[in-house]
ModelCIF file with pLDDT and N, C-alpha, C, O atoms, coordinates in Angstrom:
data_MODEL
#
_entry.id   MODEL 
#
_entity.id                         1 
_entity.type                       polymer 
_entity.pdbx_number_of_molecules   1 
#
_entity_poly.entity_id                      1 
_entity_poly.type                           'polypeptide(L)' 
_entity_poly.nstd_linkage                   no 
_entity_poly.nstd_monomer                   no 
_entity_poly.pdbx_seq_one_letter_code       THGNLRSQITALVKAWEWKAADYTIHCLPLHHVHGIVNVLLCPLWVGA 
_entity_poly.pdbx_seq_one_letter_code_can   THGNLRSQITALVKAWEWKAADYTIHCLPLHHVHGIVNVLLCPLWVGA 
_entity_poly.pdbx_strand_id                 A 
#
loop_
_entity_poly_seq.entity_id 
_entity_poly_seq.num 
_entity_poly_seq.mon_id 
_entity_poly_seq.hetero 
1 1  THR n 
1 2  HIS n 
1 3  GLY n 
1 4  ASN n 
1 5  LEU n 
1 6  ARG n 
1 7  SER n 
1 8  GLN n 
1 9  ILE n 
1 10 THR n 
1 11 ALA n 
1 12 LEU n 
1 13 VAL n 
1 14 LYS n 
1 15 ALA n 
1 16 TRP n 
1 17 GLU n 
1 18 TRP n 
1 19 LYS n 
1 20 ALA n 
1 21 ALA n 
1 22 ASP n 
1 23 TYR n 
1 24 THR n 
1 25 ILE n 
1 26 HIS n 
1 27 CYS n 
1 28 LEU n 
1 29 PRO n 
1 30 LEU n 
1 31 HIS n 
1 32 HIS n 
1 33 VAL n 
1 34 HIS n 
1 35 GLY n 
1 36 ILE n 
1 37 VAL n 
1 38 ASN n 
1 39 VAL n 
1 40 LEU n 
1 41 LEU n 
1 42 CYS n 
1 43 PRO n 
1 44 LEU n 
1 45 TRP n 
1 46 VAL n 
1 47 GLY n 
1 48 ALA n 
#
_struct_asym.id          A 
_struct_asym.entity_id   1 
#
loop_
_ma_qa_metric.id 
_ma_qa_metric.mode 
_ma_qa_metric.name 
_ma_qa_metric.software_group_id 
_ma_qa_metric.type 
1 global pLDDT . pLDDT 
2 local  pLDDT . pLDDT 
#
_ma_qa_metric_global.metric_id      1 
_ma_qa_metric_global.metric_value   96.77 
_ma_qa_metric_global.model_id       1 
_ma_qa_metric_global.ordinal_id     1 
#
loop_
_ma_qa_metric_local.label_asym_id 
_ma_qa_metric_local.label_comp_id 
_ma_qa_metric_local.label_seq_id 
_ma_qa_metric_local.metric_id 
_ma_qa_metric_local.metric_value 
_ma_qa_metric_local.model_id 
_ma_qa_metric_local.ordinal_id 
A THR 1  2 97.00 1 1  
A HIS 2  2 97.00 1 2  
A GLY 3  2 97.00 1 3  
A ASN 4  2 97.00 1 4  
A LEU 5  2 98.00 1 5  
A ARG 6  2 97.00 1 6  
A SER 7  2 97.00 1 7  
A GLN 8  2 98.00 1 8  
A ILE 9  2 98.00 1 9  
A THR 10 2 97.00 1 10 
A ALA 11 2 97.00 1 11 
A LEU 12 2 98.00 1 12 
A VAL 13 2 98.00 1 13 
A LYS 14 2 97.00 1 14 
A ALA 15 2 97.00 1 15 
A TRP 16 2 98.00 1 16 
A GLU 17 2 98.00 1 17 
A TRP 18 2 98.00 1 18 
A LYS 19 2 97.00 1 19 
A ALA 20 2 97.00 1 20 
A ALA 21 2 97.00 1 21 
A ASP 22 2 98.00 1 22 
A TYR 23 2 98.00 1 23 
A THR 24 2 98.00 1 24 
A ILE 25 2 97.00 1 25 
A HIS 26 2 97.00 1 26 
A CYS 27 2 96.00 1 27 
A LEU 28 2 94.00 1 28 
A PRO 29 2 91.00 1 29 
A LEU 30 2 95.00 1 30 
A HIS 31 2 92.00 1 31 
A HIS 32 2 91.00 1 32 
A VAL 33 2 94.00 1 33 
A HIS 34 2 94.00 1 34 
A GLY 35 2 95.00 1 35 
A ILE 36 2 97.00 1 36 
A VAL 37 2 97.00 1 37 
A ASN 38 2 97.00 1 38 
A VAL 39 2 98.00 1 39 
A LEU 40 2 98.00 1 40 
A LEU 41 2 98.00 1 41 
A CYS 42 2 98.00 1 42 
A PRO 43 2 98.00 1 43 
A LEU 44 2 98.00 1 44 
A TRP 45 2 98.00 1 45 
A VAL 46 2 97.00 1 46 
A GLY 47 2 98.00 1 47 
A ALA 48 2 98.00 1 48 
#
loop_
_atom_site.group_PDB 
_atom_site.id 
_atom_site.type_symbol 
_atom_site.label_atom_id 
_atom_site.label_alt_id 
_atom_site.label_comp_id 
_atom_site.label_asym_id 
_atom_site.label_entity_id 
_atom_site.label_seq_id 
_atom_site.pdbx_PDB_ins_code 
_atom_site.Cartn_x 
_atom_site.Cartn_y 
_atom_site.Cartn_z 
_atom_site.occupancy 
_atom_site.B_iso_or_equiv 
_atom_site.pdbx_formal_charge 
_atom_site.auth_seq_id 
_atom_site.auth_comp_id 
_atom_site.auth_asym_id 
_atom_site.auth_atom_id 
_atom_site.pdbx_PDB_model_num 
ATOM 1   N N  . THR A 1 1  ? 12.975 -24.258 5.788   1.00 97.00 ? 1  THR A N  1 
ATOM 2   C CA . THR A 1 1  ? 13.680 -25.267 5.451   1.00 97.00 ? 1  THR A CA 1 
ATOM 3   C C  . THR A 1 1  ? 12.934 -26.498 4.839   1.00 97.00 ? 1  THR A C  1 
ATOM 4   O O  . THR A 1 1  ? 11.724 -26.643 5.012   1.00 97.00 ? 1  THR A O  1 
ATOM 5   N N  . HIS A 1 2  ? 13.691 -27.382 4.116   1.00 97.00 ? 2  HIS A N  1 
ATOM 6   C CA . HIS A 1 2  ? 13.072 -28.444 3.383   1.00 97.00 ? 2  HIS A CA 1 
ATOM 7   C C  . HIS A 1 2  ? 12.348 -29.421 4.598   1.00 97.00 ? 2  HIS A C  1 
ATOM 8   O O  . HIS A 1 2  ? 11.433 -30.193 4.312   1.00 97.00 ? 2  HIS A O  1 
ATOM 9   N N  . GLY A 1 3  ? 12.814 -29.299 5.811   1.00 97.00 ? 3  GLY A N  1 
ATOM 10  C CA . GLY A 1 3  ? 12.230 -30.001 6.827   1.00 97.00 ? 3  GLY A CA 1 
ATOM 11  C C  . GLY A 1 3  ? 10.979 -29.338 7.279   1.00 97.00 ? 3  GLY A C  1 
ATOM 12  O O  . GLY A 1 3  ? 10.026 -30.035 7.626   1.00 97.00 ? 3  GLY A O  1 
ATOM 13  N N  . ASN A 1 4  ? 10.912 -28.022 7.300   1.00 97.00 ? 4  ASN A N  1 
ATOM 14  C CA . ASN A 1 4  ? 9.513  -27.273 7.580   1.00 97.00 ? 4  ASN A CA 1 
ATOM 15  C C  . ASN A 1 4  ? 8.497  -27.738 6.386   1.00 97.00 ? 4  ASN A C  1 
ATOM 16  O O  . ASN A 1 4  ? 7.371  -28.170 6.634   1.00 97.00 ? 4  ASN A O  1 
ATOM 17  N N  . LEU A 1 5  ? 8.959  -27.619 5.217   1.00 98.00 ? 5  LEU A N  1 
ATOM 18  C CA . LEU A 1 5  ? 8.067  -27.975 4.208   1.00 98.00 ? 5  LEU A CA 1 
ATOM 19  C C  . LEU A 1 5  ? 7.538  -29.312 4.237   1.00 98.00 ? 5  LEU A C  1 
ATOM 20  O O  . LEU A 1 5  ? 6.346  -29.506 3.997   1.00 98.00 ? 5  LEU A O  1 
ATOM 21  N N  . ARG A 1 6  ? 8.416  -30.353 4.542   1.00 97.00 ? 6  ARG A N  1 
ATOM 22  C CA . ARG A 1 6  ? 8.053  -31.636 4.790   1.00 97.00 ? 6  ARG A CA 1 
ATOM 23  C C  . ARG A 1 6  ? 6.886  -31.862 5.805   1.00 97.00 ? 6  ARG A C  1 
ATOM 24  O O  . ARG A 1 6  ? 5.898  -32.560 5.580   1.00 97.00 ? 6  ARG A O  1 
ATOM 25  N N  . SER A 1 7  ? 7.159  -31.126 7.027   1.00 97.00 ? 7  SER A N  1 
ATOM 26  C CA . SER A 1 7  ? 6.214  -31.299 8.034   1.00 97.00 ? 7  SER A CA 1 
ATOM 27  C C  . SER A 1 7  ? 4.872  -30.671 7.631   1.00 97.00 ? 7  SER A C  1 
ATOM 28  O O  . SER A 1 7  ? 3.813  -31.180 7.998   1.00 97.00 ? 7  SER A O  1 
ATOM 29  N N  . GLN A 1 8  ? 4.921  -29.504 6.836   1.00 98.00 ? 8  GLN A N  1 
ATOM 30  C CA . GLN A 1 8  ? 3.673  -28.976 6.577   1.00 98.00 ? 8  GLN A CA 1 
ATOM 31  C C  . GLN A 1 8  ? 2.883  -29.721 5.546   1.00 98.00 ? 8  GLN A C  1 
ATOM 32  O O  . GLN A 1 8  ? 1.653  -29.729 5.505   1.00 98.00 ? 8  GLN A O  1 
ATOM 33  N N  . ILE A 1 9  ? 3.748  -30.400 4.644   1.00 98.00 ? 9  ILE A N  1 
ATOM 34  C CA . ILE A 1 9  ? 3.040  -31.217 3.668   1.00 98.00 ? 9  ILE A CA 1 
ATOM 35  C C  . ILE A 1 9  ? 2.346  -32.541 4.106   1.00 98.00 ? 9  ILE A C  1 
ATOM 36  O O  . ILE A 1 9  ? 1.243  -32.911 3.704   1.00 98.00 ? 9  ILE A O  1 
ATOM 37  N N  . THR A 1 10 ? 3.201  -33.245 5.043   1.00 97.00 ? 10 THR A N  1 
ATOM 38  C CA . THR A 1 10 ? 2.883  -34.473 5.527   1.00 97.00 ? 10 THR A CA 1 
ATOM 39  C C  . THR A 1 10 ? 1.677  -34.394 6.561   1.00 97.00 ? 10 THR A C  1 
ATOM 40  O O  . THR A 1 10 ? 0.897  -35.338 6.685   1.00 97.00 ? 10 THR A O  1 
ATOM 41  N N  . ALA A 1 11 ? 1.575  -33.336 7.226   1.00 97.00 ? 11 ALA A N  1 
ATOM 42  C CA . ALA A 1 11 ? 0.498  -33.056 8.190   1.00 97.00 ? 11 ALA A CA 1 
ATOM 43  C C  . ALA A 1 11 ? -0.853 -33.063 7.424   1.00 97.00 ? 11 ALA A C  1 
ATOM 44  O O  . ALA A 1 11 ? -1.832 -33.686 7.837   1.00 97.00 ? 11 ALA A O  1 
ATOM 45  N N  . LEU A 1 12 ? -0.843 -32.322 6.267   1.00 98.00 ? 12 LEU A N  1 
ATOM 46  C CA . LEU A 1 12 ? -2.038 -32.184 5.365   1.00 98.00 ? 12 LEU A CA 1 
ATOM 47  C C  . LEU A 1 12 ? -2.375 -33.593 4.658   1.00 98.00 ? 12 LEU A C  1 
ATOM 48  O O  . LEU A 1 12 ? -3.534 -33.984 4.522   1.00 98.00 ? 12 LEU A O  1 
ATOM 49  N N  . VAL A 1 13 ? -1.308 -34.277 4.245   1.00 98.00 ? 13 VAL A N  1 
ATOM 50  C CA . VAL A 1 13 ? -1.553 -35.547 3.547   1.00 98.00 ? 13 VAL A CA 1 
ATOM 51  C C  . VAL A 1 13 ? -2.267 -36.441 4.475   1.00 98.00 ? 13 VAL A C  1 
ATOM 52  O O  . VAL A 1 13 ? -3.230 -37.120 4.116   1.00 98.00 ? 13 VAL A O  1 
ATOM 53  N N  . LYS A 1 14 ? -1.760 -36.435 5.740   1.00 97.00 ? 14 LYS A N  1 
ATOM 54  C CA . LYS A 1 14 ? -2.400 -37.299 6.706   1.00 97.00 ? 14 LYS A CA 1 
ATOM 55  C C  . LYS A 1 14 ? -3.822 -36.861 7.030   1.00 97.00 ? 14 LYS A C  1 
ATOM 56  O O  . LYS A 1 14 ? -4.743 -37.675 6.965   1.00 97.00 ? 14 LYS A O  1 
ATOM 57  N N  . ALA A 1 15 ? -4.045 -35.418 7.427   1.00 97.00 ? 15 ALA A N  1 
ATOM 58  C CA . ALA A 1 15 ? -5.327 -35.072 7.874   1.00 97.00 ? 15 ALA A CA 1 
ATOM 59  C C  . ALA A 1 15 ? -6.368 -35.112 6.790   1.00 97.00 ? 15 ALA A C  1 
ATOM 60  O O  . ALA A 1 15 ? -7.530 -35.421 7.054   1.00 97.00 ? 15 ALA A O  1 
ATOM 61  N N  . TRP A 1 16 ? -5.965 -34.801 5.558   1.00 98.00 ? 16 TRP A N  1 
ATOM 62  C CA . TRP A 1 16 ? -6.928 -34.764 4.513   1.00 98.00 ? 16 TRP A CA 1 
ATOM 63  C C  . TRP A 1 16 ? -6.941 -36.060 3.432   1.00 98.00 ? 16 TRP A C  1 
ATOM 64  O O  . TRP A 1 16 ? -7.663 -36.149 2.439   1.00 98.00 ? 16 TRP A O  1 
ATOM 65  N N  . GLU A 1 17 ? -6.044 -36.940 3.852   1.00 98.00 ? 17 GLU A N  1 
ATOM 66  C CA . GLU A 1 17 ? -5.844 -38.389 3.249   1.00 98.00 ? 17 GLU A CA 1 
ATOM 67  C C  . GLU A 1 17 ? -5.637 -38.186 1.786   1.00 98.00 ? 17 GLU A C  1 
ATOM 68  O O  . GLU A 1 17 ? -6.347 -38.781 0.976   1.00 98.00 ? 17 GLU A O  1 
ATOM 69  N N  . TRP A 1 18 ? -4.610 -37.298 1.385   1.00 98.00 ? 18 TRP A N  1 
ATOM 70  C CA . TRP A 1 18 ? -4.231 -37.343 0.048   1.00 98.00 ? 18 TRP A CA 1 
ATOM 71  C C  . TRP A 1 18 ? -3.831 -38.819 -0.527  1.00 98.00 ? 18 TRP A C  1 
ATOM 72  O O  . TRP A 1 18 ? -3.181 -39.612 0.155   1.00 98.00 ? 18 TRP A O  1 
ATOM 73  N N  . LYS A 1 19 ? -4.243 -39.082 -1.728  1.00 97.00 ? 19 LYS A N  1 
ATOM 74  C CA . LYS A 1 19 ? -3.891 -40.255 -2.352  1.00 97.00 ? 19 LYS A CA 1 
ATOM 75  C C  . LYS A 1 19 ? -3.379 -40.087 -3.950  1.00 97.00 ? 19 LYS A C  1 
ATOM 76  O O  . LYS A 1 19 ? -3.762 -39.165 -4.670  1.00 97.00 ? 19 LYS A O  1 
ATOM 77  N N  . ALA A 1 20 ? -2.502 -41.081 -4.346  1.00 97.00 ? 20 ALA A N  1 
ATOM 78  C CA . ALA A 1 20 ? -2.094 -40.894 -5.550  1.00 97.00 ? 20 ALA A CA 1 
ATOM 79  C C  . ALA A 1 20 ? -3.232 -40.707 -6.706  1.00 97.00 ? 20 ALA A C  1 
ATOM 80  O O  . ALA A 1 20 ? -2.976 -40.087 -7.739  1.00 97.00 ? 20 ALA A O  1 
ATOM 81  N N  . ALA A 1 21 ? -4.419 -41.250 -6.469  1.00 97.00 ? 21 ALA A N  1 
ATOM 82  C CA . ALA A 1 21 ? -5.559 -41.243 -7.339  1.00 97.00 ? 21 ALA A CA 1 
ATOM 83  C C  . ALA A 1 21 ? -6.199 -39.783 -7.285  1.00 97.00 ? 21 ALA A C  1 
ATOM 84  O O  . ALA A 1 21 ? -7.033 -39.443 -8.123  1.00 97.00 ? 21 ALA A O  1 
ATOM 85  N N  . ASP A 1 22 ? -5.781 -38.947 -6.279  1.00 98.00 ? 22 ASP A N  1 
ATOM 86  C CA . ASP A 1 22 ? -6.486 -37.542 -6.287  1.00 98.00 ? 22 ASP A CA 1 
ATOM 87  C C  . ASP A 1 22 ? -6.160 -36.584 -7.494  1.00 98.00 ? 22 ASP A C  1 
ATOM 88  O O  . ASP A 1 22 ? -5.049 -36.601 -8.024  1.00 98.00 ? 22 ASP A O  1 
ATOM 89  N N  . TYR A 1 23 ? -7.064 -35.840 -7.862  1.00 98.00 ? 23 TYR A N  1 
ATOM 90  C CA . TYR A 1 23 ? -7.101 -34.882 -8.943  1.00 98.00 ? 23 TYR A CA 1 
ATOM 91  C C  . TYR A 1 23 ? -7.440 -33.582 -8.576  1.00 98.00 ? 23 TYR A C  1 
ATOM 92  O O  . TYR A 1 23 ? -8.650 -33.406 -8.430  1.00 98.00 ? 23 TYR A O  1 
ATOM 93  N N  . THR A 1 24 ? -6.624 -32.499 -8.362  1.00 98.00 ? 24 THR A N  1 
ATOM 94  C CA . THR A 1 24 ? -7.013 -31.292 -8.061  1.00 98.00 ? 24 THR A CA 1 
ATOM 95  C C  . THR A 1 24 ? -6.965 -30.133 -8.976  1.00 98.00 ? 24 THR A C  1 
ATOM 96  O O  . THR A 1 24 ? -6.235 -30.114 -9.967  1.00 98.00 ? 24 THR A O  1 
ATOM 97  N N  . ILE A 1 25 ? -7.749 -29.170 -8.634  1.00 97.00 ? 25 ILE A N  1 
ATOM 98  C CA . ILE A 1 25 ? -7.753 -27.944 -9.513  1.00 97.00 ? 25 ILE A CA 1 
ATOM 99  C C  . ILE A 1 25 ? -6.895 -26.809 -8.798  1.00 97.00 ? 25 ILE A C  1 
ATOM 100 O O  . ILE A 1 25 ? -7.063 -26.536 -7.609  1.00 97.00 ? 25 ILE A O  1 
ATOM 101 N N  . HIS A 1 26 ? -6.054 -26.231 -9.529  1.00 97.00 ? 26 HIS A N  1 
ATOM 102 C CA . HIS A 1 26 ? -5.094 -25.195 -8.930  1.00 97.00 ? 26 HIS A CA 1 
ATOM 103 C C  . HIS A 1 26 ? -5.550 -23.876 -9.678  1.00 97.00 ? 26 HIS A C  1 
ATOM 104 O O  . HIS A 1 26 ? -5.299 -23.783 -10.880 1.00 97.00 ? 26 HIS A O  1 
ATOM 105 N N  . CYS A 1 27 ? -6.171 -22.910 -9.057  1.00 96.00 ? 27 CYS A N  1 
ATOM 106 C CA . CYS A 1 27 ? -6.341 -21.610 -9.580  1.00 96.00 ? 27 CYS A CA 1 
ATOM 107 C C  . CYS A 1 27 ? -5.838 -20.365 -8.659  1.00 96.00 ? 27 CYS A C  1 
ATOM 108 O O  . CYS A 1 27 ? -6.229 -19.216 -8.865  1.00 96.00 ? 27 CYS A O  1 
ATOM 109 N N  . LEU A 1 28 ? -4.955 -20.705 -7.651  1.00 94.00 ? 28 LEU A N  1 
ATOM 110 C CA . LEU A 1 28 ? -4.455 -19.644 -6.819  1.00 94.00 ? 28 LEU A CA 1 
ATOM 111 C C  . LEU A 1 28 ? -3.197 -19.242 -7.260  1.00 94.00 ? 28 LEU A C  1 
ATOM 112 O O  . LEU A 1 28 ? -2.537 -19.783 -8.147  1.00 94.00 ? 28 LEU A O  1 
ATOM 113 N N  . PRO A 1 29 ? -2.842 -18.083 -6.474  1.00 91.00 ? 29 PRO A N  1 
ATOM 114 C CA . PRO A 1 29 ? -1.434 -17.438 -6.741  1.00 91.00 ? 29 PRO A CA 1 
ATOM 115 C C  . PRO A 1 29 ? -0.242 -18.531 -6.281  1.00 91.00 ? 29 PRO A C  1 
ATOM 116 O O  . PRO A 1 29 ? -0.488 -19.338 -5.385  1.00 91.00 ? 29 PRO A O  1 
ATOM 117 N N  . LEU A 1 30 ? 0.935  -18.508 -6.883  1.00 95.00 ? 30 LEU A N  1 
ATOM 118 C CA . LEU A 1 30 ? 1.848  -19.473 -6.451  1.00 95.00 ? 30 LEU A CA 1 
ATOM 119 C C  . LEU A 1 30 ? 3.067  -18.736 -5.760  1.00 95.00 ? 30 LEU A C  1 
ATOM 120 O O  . LEU A 1 30 ? 4.232  -19.079 -5.960  1.00 95.00 ? 30 LEU A O  1 
ATOM 121 N N  . HIS A 1 31 ? 2.667  -17.613 -4.866  1.00 92.00 ? 31 HIS A N  1 
ATOM 122 C CA . HIS A 1 31 ? 3.624  -16.985 -4.085  1.00 92.00 ? 31 HIS A CA 1 
ATOM 123 C C  . HIS A 1 31 ? 3.280  -17.033 -2.550  1.00 92.00 ? 31 HIS A C  1 
ATOM 124 O O  . HIS A 1 31 ? 3.773  -16.265 -1.724  1.00 92.00 ? 31 HIS A O  1 
ATOM 125 N N  . HIS A 1 32 ? 2.486  -17.905 -2.305  1.00 91.00 ? 32 HIS A N  1 
ATOM 126 C CA . HIS A 1 32 ? 1.809  -17.926 -1.034  1.00 91.00 ? 32 HIS A CA 1 
ATOM 127 C C  . HIS A 1 32 ? 1.627  -19.474 -0.632  1.00 91.00 ? 32 HIS A C  1 
ATOM 128 O O  . HIS A 1 32 ? 1.377  -20.312 -1.498  1.00 91.00 ? 32 HIS A O  1 
ATOM 129 N N  . VAL A 1 33 ? 1.753  -19.778 0.596   1.00 94.00 ? 33 VAL A N  1 
ATOM 130 C CA . VAL A 1 33 ? 1.812  -21.205 1.179   1.00 94.00 ? 33 VAL A CA 1 
ATOM 131 C C  . VAL A 1 33 ? 0.518  -21.922 0.649   1.00 94.00 ? 33 VAL A C  1 
ATOM 132 O O  . VAL A 1 33 ? 0.589  -23.079 0.234   1.00 94.00 ? 33 VAL A O  1 
ATOM 133 N N  . HIS A 1 34 ? -0.793 -21.150 0.670   1.00 94.00 ? 34 HIS A N  1 
ATOM 134 C CA . HIS A 1 34 ? -1.933 -21.923 0.186   1.00 94.00 ? 34 HIS A CA 1 
ATOM 135 C C  . HIS A 1 34 ? -1.726 -22.395 -1.215  1.00 94.00 ? 34 HIS A C  1 
ATOM 136 O O  . HIS A 1 34 ? -2.017 -23.565 -1.461  1.00 94.00 ? 34 HIS A O  1 
ATOM 137 N N  . GLY A 1 35 ? -1.298 -21.694 -2.083  1.00 95.00 ? 35 GLY A N  1 
ATOM 138 C CA . GLY A 1 35 ? -1.121 -22.229 -3.483  1.00 95.00 ? 35 GLY A CA 1 
ATOM 139 C C  . GLY A 1 35 ? 0.204  -23.086 -3.634  1.00 95.00 ? 35 GLY A C  1 
ATOM 140 O O  . GLY A 1 35 ? 0.286  -24.023 -4.429  1.00 95.00 ? 35 GLY A O  1 
ATOM 141 N N  . ILE A 1 36 ? 1.122  -22.725 -2.889  1.00 97.00 ? 36 ILE A N  1 
ATOM 142 C CA . ILE A 1 36 ? 2.541  -23.688 -3.053  1.00 97.00 ? 36 ILE A CA 1 
ATOM 143 C C  . ILE A 1 36 ? 2.341  -24.938 -2.222  1.00 97.00 ? 36 ILE A C  1 
ATOM 144 O O  . ILE A 1 36 ? 2.543  -26.028 -2.758  1.00 97.00 ? 36 ILE A O  1 
ATOM 145 N N  . VAL A 1 37 ? 1.976  -24.872 -1.009  1.00 97.00 ? 37 VAL A N  1 
ATOM 146 C CA . VAL A 1 37 ? 1.970  -26.104 -0.332  1.00 97.00 ? 37 VAL A CA 1 
ATOM 147 C C  . VAL A 1 37 ? 0.680  -26.903 -0.442  1.00 97.00 ? 37 VAL A C  1 
ATOM 148 O O  . VAL A 1 37 ? 0.680  -28.079 -0.809  1.00 97.00 ? 37 VAL A O  1 
ATOM 149 N N  . ASN A 1 38 ? -0.355 -26.270 -0.132  1.00 97.00 ? 38 ASN A N  1 
ATOM 150 C CA . ASN A 1 38 ? -1.645 -26.886 0.038   1.00 97.00 ? 38 ASN A CA 1 
ATOM 151 C C  . ASN A 1 38 ? -2.091 -27.660 -1.241  1.00 97.00 ? 38 ASN A C  1 
ATOM 152 O O  . ASN A 1 38 ? -2.447 -28.838 -1.214  1.00 97.00 ? 38 ASN A O  1 
ATOM 153 N N  . VAL A 1 39 ? -2.030 -26.779 -2.524  1.00 98.00 ? 39 VAL A N  1 
ATOM 154 C CA . VAL A 1 39 ? -2.671 -27.249 -3.598  1.00 98.00 ? 39 VAL A CA 1 
ATOM 155 C C  . VAL A 1 39 ? -1.670 -27.704 -4.602  1.00 98.00 ? 39 VAL A C  1 
ATOM 156 O O  . VAL A 1 39 ? -2.063 -28.357 -5.569  1.00 98.00 ? 39 VAL A O  1 
ATOM 157 N N  . LEU A 1 40 ? -0.386 -27.410 -4.453  1.00 98.00 ? 40 LEU A N  1 
ATOM 158 C CA . LEU A 1 40 ? 0.684  -28.013 -5.348  1.00 98.00 ? 40 LEU A CA 1 
ATOM 159 C C  . LEU A 1 40 ? 1.445  -28.991 -4.907  1.00 98.00 ? 40 LEU A C  1 
ATOM 160 O O  . LEU A 1 40 ? 1.481  -30.033 -5.563  1.00 98.00 ? 40 LEU A O  1 
ATOM 161 N N  . LEU A 1 41 ? 2.157  -28.874 -3.795  1.00 98.00 ? 41 LEU A N  1 
ATOM 162 C CA . LEU A 1 41 ? 3.122  -29.689 -3.256  1.00 98.00 ? 41 LEU A CA 1 
ATOM 163 C C  . LEU A 1 41 ? 2.429  -30.987 -2.469  1.00 98.00 ? 41 LEU A C  1 
ATOM 164 O O  . LEU A 1 41 ? 2.971  -32.089 -2.386  1.00 98.00 ? 41 LEU A O  1 
ATOM 165 N N  . CYS A 1 42 ? 1.339  -30.701 -1.997  1.00 98.00 ? 42 CYS A N  1 
ATOM 166 C CA . CYS A 1 42 ? 0.572  -32.039 -1.443  1.00 98.00 ? 42 CYS A CA 1 
ATOM 167 C C  . CYS A 1 42 ? 0.308  -32.996 -2.489  1.00 98.00 ? 42 CYS A C  1 
ATOM 168 O O  . CYS A 1 42 ? 0.700  -34.145 -2.286  1.00 98.00 ? 42 CYS A O  1 
ATOM 169 N N  . PRO A 1 43 ? -0.358 -32.703 -3.705  1.00 98.00 ? 43 PRO A N  1 
ATOM 170 C CA . PRO A 1 43 ? -0.541 -33.624 -4.637  1.00 98.00 ? 43 PRO A CA 1 
ATOM 171 C C  . PRO A 1 43 ? 0.727  -34.267 -5.280  1.00 98.00 ? 43 PRO A C  1 
ATOM 172 O O  . PRO A 1 43 ? 0.793  -35.483 -5.464  1.00 98.00 ? 43 PRO A O  1 
ATOM 173 N N  . LEU A 1 44 ? 1.704  -33.430 -5.606  1.00 98.00 ? 44 LEU A N  1 
ATOM 174 C CA . LEU A 1 44 ? 3.002  -34.033 -6.117  1.00 98.00 ? 44 LEU A CA 1 
ATOM 175 C C  . LEU A 1 44 ? 3.808  -34.901 -5.136  1.00 98.00 ? 44 LEU A C  1 
ATOM 176 O O  . LEU A 1 44 ? 4.596  -35.767 -5.517  1.00 98.00 ? 44 LEU A O  1 
ATOM 177 N N  . TRP A 1 45 ? 3.544  -34.595 -3.773  1.00 98.00 ? 45 TRP A N  1 
ATOM 178 C CA . TRP A 1 45 ? 4.097  -35.499 -2.794  1.00 98.00 ? 45 TRP A CA 1 
ATOM 179 C C  . TRP A 1 45 ? 3.543  -36.915 -2.842  1.00 98.00 ? 45 TRP A C  1 
ATOM 180 O O  . TRP A 1 45 ? 4.327  -37.805 -2.514  1.00 98.00 ? 45 TRP A O  1 
ATOM 181 N N  . VAL A 1 46 ? 2.488  -37.207 -3.151  1.00 97.00 ? 46 VAL A N  1 
ATOM 182 C CA . VAL A 1 46 ? 1.955  -38.510 -3.260  1.00 97.00 ? 46 VAL A CA 1 
ATOM 183 C C  . VAL A 1 46 ? 1.665  -39.134 -4.547  1.00 97.00 ? 46 VAL A C  1 
ATOM 184 O O  . VAL A 1 46 ? 1.151  -40.249 -4.637  1.00 97.00 ? 46 VAL A O  1 
ATOM 185 N N  . GLY A 1 47 ? 2.025  -38.346 -5.626  1.00 98.00 ? 47 GLY A N  1 
ATOM 186 C CA . GLY A 1 47 ? 1.947  -38.848 -7.099  1.00 98.00 ? 47 GLY A CA 1 
ATOM 187 C C  . GLY A 1 47 ? 0.652  -38.652 -7.642  1.00 98.00 ? 47 GLY A C  1 
ATOM 188 O O  . GLY A 1 47 ? 0.244  -39.410 -8.522  1.00 98.00 ? 47 GLY A O  1 
ATOM 189 N N  . ALA A 1 48 ? -0.152 -37.563 -7.141  1.00 98.00 ? 48 ALA A N  1 
ATOM 190 C CA . ALA A 1 48 ? -1.491 -37.162 -7.634  1.00 98.00 ? 48 ALA A CA 1 
ATOM 191 C C  . ALA A 1 48 ? -1.191 -36.111 -8.882  1.00 98.00 ? 48 ALA A C  1 
ATOM 192 O O  . ALA A 1 48 ? -2.127 -35.602 -9.499  1.00 98.00 ? 48 ALA A O  1 
#
């Protein structure tokens, strides 16, 4: 659900201290939570 995704994203944003000033490299497949949540949605969540 969107609630599941929000919980996954916000946990990493808090633990890894994502900020709007962050700039990340994405070279992973986008059919897996690693590429979708960790490396794409986390930066987009905070405006990075």
